[in-house]
């Protein structure tokens, strides 16, 4: 599959995908003593990434199952298992030690970057990820029009630095 198609479906590059597989594969959640083996970790991760990279009609469990050629229950199991494996790495990947000089400097740079692109009030909102829109269930009462996106939804968009 060409990298552009890979990225369009899974929202990560092939190199990032391979690194994620390498990091989560050793987790015990992917191994069992059953006569029914689990799907390989790369397939479980692909199902998970396709699902979290879409929302609305493109993200239904049934659509994911049809895309991957598996059952709805398998999609559910893949999501659960991949999340458990990813969350194991939380403390290794996310850390802000207020006493660590490097963490203090990174936090300050991130806050300045956010403030420079938004407003002073949003300066503290630097812990977001990847441009994913988080749909709101209704129009916010304060500056509601500012949350209306190109897809005609009220949403917040997460960003990573």
Protein backbone atom coordinates (compact mmCIF):
# COMPACT_ATOMS: atom_id res chain seq x y z
CA UNK A 1 0.00 0.00 0.00
CA UNK A 2 1.44 3.43 -0.88
CA UNK A 3 2.29 5.52 2.23
CA UNK A 4 -0.36 8.13 1.34
CA UNK A 5 -3.11 5.48 1.43
CA UNK A 6 -1.66 4.02 4.62
CA UNK A 7 -1.73 7.44 6.29
CA UNK A 8 -5.25 8.16 5.02
CA UNK A 9 -6.63 5.02 6.66
CA UNK A 10 -4.54 4.79 9.84
CA UNK A 11 -3.54 8.45 10.35
CA UNK A 12 0.09 7.57 11.10
CA UNK A 13 3.10 6.98 8.86
CA UNK A 14 4.30 3.41 8.28
CA UNK A 15 7.39 4.17 10.42
CA UNK A 16 5.25 5.32 13.36
CA UNK A 17 2.99 2.29 12.93
CA UNK A 18 5.99 -0.07 13.03
CA UNK A 19 7.32 1.65 16.16
CA UNK A 20 3.92 1.34 17.88
CA UNK A 21 3.75 -2.37 17.00
CA UNK A 22 7.25 -2.83 18.40
CA UNK A 23 6.33 -1.06 21.65
CA UNK A 24 3.01 -2.80 22.36
CA UNK A 25 3.66 -6.31 21.00
CA UNK A 26 5.33 -7.69 24.15
CA UNK A 27 2.29 -6.90 26.32
CA UNK A 28 0.68 -10.00 27.84
CA UNK A 29 -2.80 -8.89 26.68
CA UNK A 30 -1.91 -10.12 23.18
CA UNK A 31 -1.14 -13.67 24.32
CA UNK A 32 -3.46 -16.40 25.55
CA UNK A 33 -3.61 -20.15 26.11
CA UNK A 34 -6.64 -20.62 23.90
CA UNK A 35 -7.01 -22.86 20.85
CA UNK A 36 -8.35 -19.73 19.11
CA UNK A 37 -5.36 -17.47 18.50
CA UNK A 38 -5.74 -13.71 18.52
CA UNK A 39 -5.25 -11.57 15.44
CA UNK A 40 -1.65 -10.48 14.94
CA UNK A 41 -0.79 -7.27 16.80
CA UNK A 42 -0.31 -5.21 13.59
CA UNK A 43 -3.85 -6.06 12.48
CA UNK A 44 -5.31 -5.22 15.90
CA UNK A 45 -3.44 -1.92 15.89
CA UNK A 46 -4.61 -1.12 12.34
CA UNK A 47 -8.24 -1.72 13.34
CA UNK A 48 -7.77 0.49 16.39
CA UNK A 49 -6.05 3.32 14.50
CA UNK A 50 -8.63 3.27 11.72
CA UNK A 51 -11.38 3.57 14.32
CA UNK A 52 -9.85 6.36 16.40
CA UNK A 53 -8.90 8.25 13.24
CA UNK A 54 -12.51 8.59 12.11
CA UNK A 55 -15.73 9.77 13.66
CA UNK A 56 -19.38 9.86 12.71
CA UNK A 57 -20.65 7.36 10.17
CA UNK A 58 -17.13 6.24 9.20
CA UNK A 59 -16.36 5.13 12.75
CA UNK A 60 -19.16 2.72 13.52
CA UNK A 61 -18.11 -0.65 14.83
CA UNK A 62 -19.99 -2.31 11.97
CA UNK A 63 -18.10 -0.27 9.34
CA UNK A 64 -14.78 -1.10 10.98
CA UNK A 65 -15.71 -4.78 11.08
CA UNK A 66 -16.60 -4.76 7.38
CA UNK A 67 -13.40 -2.87 6.49
CA UNK A 68 -11.22 -5.32 8.43
CA UNK A 69 -13.17 -8.46 7.54
CA UNK A 70 -13.80 -9.36 11.19
CA UNK A 71 -16.77 -9.47 13.55
CA UNK A 72 -18.03 -6.54 15.60
CA UNK A 73 -16.90 -8.38 18.74
CA UNK A 74 -13.38 -8.66 17.34
CA UNK A 75 -13.32 -4.89 16.73
CA UNK A 76 -14.34 -4.35 20.35
CA UNK A 77 -11.62 -6.75 21.57
CA UNK A 78 -8.96 -5.07 19.40
CA UNK A 79 -9.85 -1.65 20.81
CA UNK A 80 -9.74 -2.94 24.38
CA UNK A 81 -6.46 -4.83 23.98
CA UNK A 82 -4.63 -2.06 22.12
CA UNK A 83 -5.75 0.55 24.66
CA UNK A 84 -4.56 -1.61 27.56
CA UNK A 85 -1.17 -2.06 25.85
CA UNK A 86 -0.85 1.65 25.00
CA UNK A 87 -1.82 2.81 28.48
CA UNK A 88 1.01 0.70 29.92
CA UNK A 89 3.39 3.22 28.31
CA UNK A 90 1.63 6.28 29.73
CA UNK A 91 4.21 7.10 32.38
CA UNK A 92 7.11 6.55 29.97
CA UNK A 93 5.65 8.84 27.31
CA UNK A 94 3.93 11.53 29.39
CA UNK A 95 5.79 13.20 32.18
CA UNK A 96 5.96 16.72 33.52
CA UNK A 97 8.21 16.87 36.51
CA UNK A 98 7.87 20.39 37.88
CA UNK A 99 11.38 20.11 39.32
CA UNK A 100 13.00 18.92 36.05
CA UNK A 101 14.55 21.87 34.20
CA UNK A 102 13.98 20.36 30.72
CA UNK A 103 10.30 19.76 31.48
CA UNK A 104 9.93 23.33 32.77
CA UNK A 105 11.51 24.74 29.60
CA UNK A 106 9.38 22.54 27.32
CA UNK A 107 6.22 23.55 29.15
CA UNK A 108 7.11 27.24 28.86
CA UNK A 109 7.85 26.94 25.10
CA UNK A 110 4.59 25.07 24.57
CA UNK A 111 2.57 27.65 26.46
CA UNK A 112 4.15 30.48 24.48
CA UNK A 113 3.41 28.66 21.23
CA UNK A 114 -0.25 28.16 22.19
CA UNK A 115 -0.62 31.78 23.30
CA UNK A 116 0.99 33.01 20.07
CA UNK A 117 -1.56 31.13 17.96
CA UNK A 118 -4.67 31.61 20.08
CA UNK A 119 -5.09 33.95 23.03
CA UNK A 120 -3.67 34.39 26.53
CA UNK A 121 -6.59 32.53 28.12
CA UNK A 122 -5.68 29.35 26.17
CA UNK A 123 -2.03 29.48 27.22
CA UNK A 124 -2.50 26.56 29.63
CA UNK A 125 -4.02 24.31 26.93
CA UNK A 126 -0.84 22.75 25.61
CA UNK A 127 -1.52 19.06 26.34
CA UNK A 128 -3.54 18.18 23.24
CA UNK A 129 -2.90 15.77 20.42
CA UNK A 130 -2.98 15.42 16.62
CA UNK A 131 -5.68 17.64 15.14
CA UNK A 132 -8.48 15.27 16.05
CA UNK A 133 -11.83 17.04 16.39
CA UNK A 134 -13.76 16.32 19.55
CA UNK A 135 -17.40 16.93 18.75
CA UNK A 136 -19.48 18.83 21.28
CA UNK A 137 -23.07 17.80 21.81
CA UNK A 138 -24.36 21.36 21.43
CA UNK A 139 -23.26 24.89 20.58
CA UNK A 140 -21.24 26.39 23.45
CA UNK A 141 -22.88 29.37 25.09
CA UNK A 142 -19.68 31.41 25.10
CA UNK A 143 -18.26 32.26 21.62
CA UNK A 144 -20.25 29.36 20.14
CA UNK A 145 -19.62 30.33 16.50
CA UNK A 146 -15.90 29.92 17.08
CA UNK A 147 -16.41 26.20 17.64
CA UNK A 148 -18.32 25.60 14.37
CA UNK A 149 -16.09 23.54 12.08
CA UNK A 150 -15.92 22.79 8.34
CA UNK A 151 -18.05 19.67 8.84
CA UNK A 152 -20.92 21.68 10.33
CA UNK A 153 -20.26 20.41 13.86
CA UNK A 154 -19.39 22.22 17.05
CA UNK A 155 -16.04 20.78 18.04
CA UNK A 156 -12.69 21.31 19.72
CA UNK A 157 -9.58 20.42 17.73
CA UNK A 158 -6.64 18.93 19.56
CA UNK A 159 -3.09 19.81 18.51
CA UNK A 160 0.34 18.44 19.34
CA UNK A 161 3.61 20.35 19.54
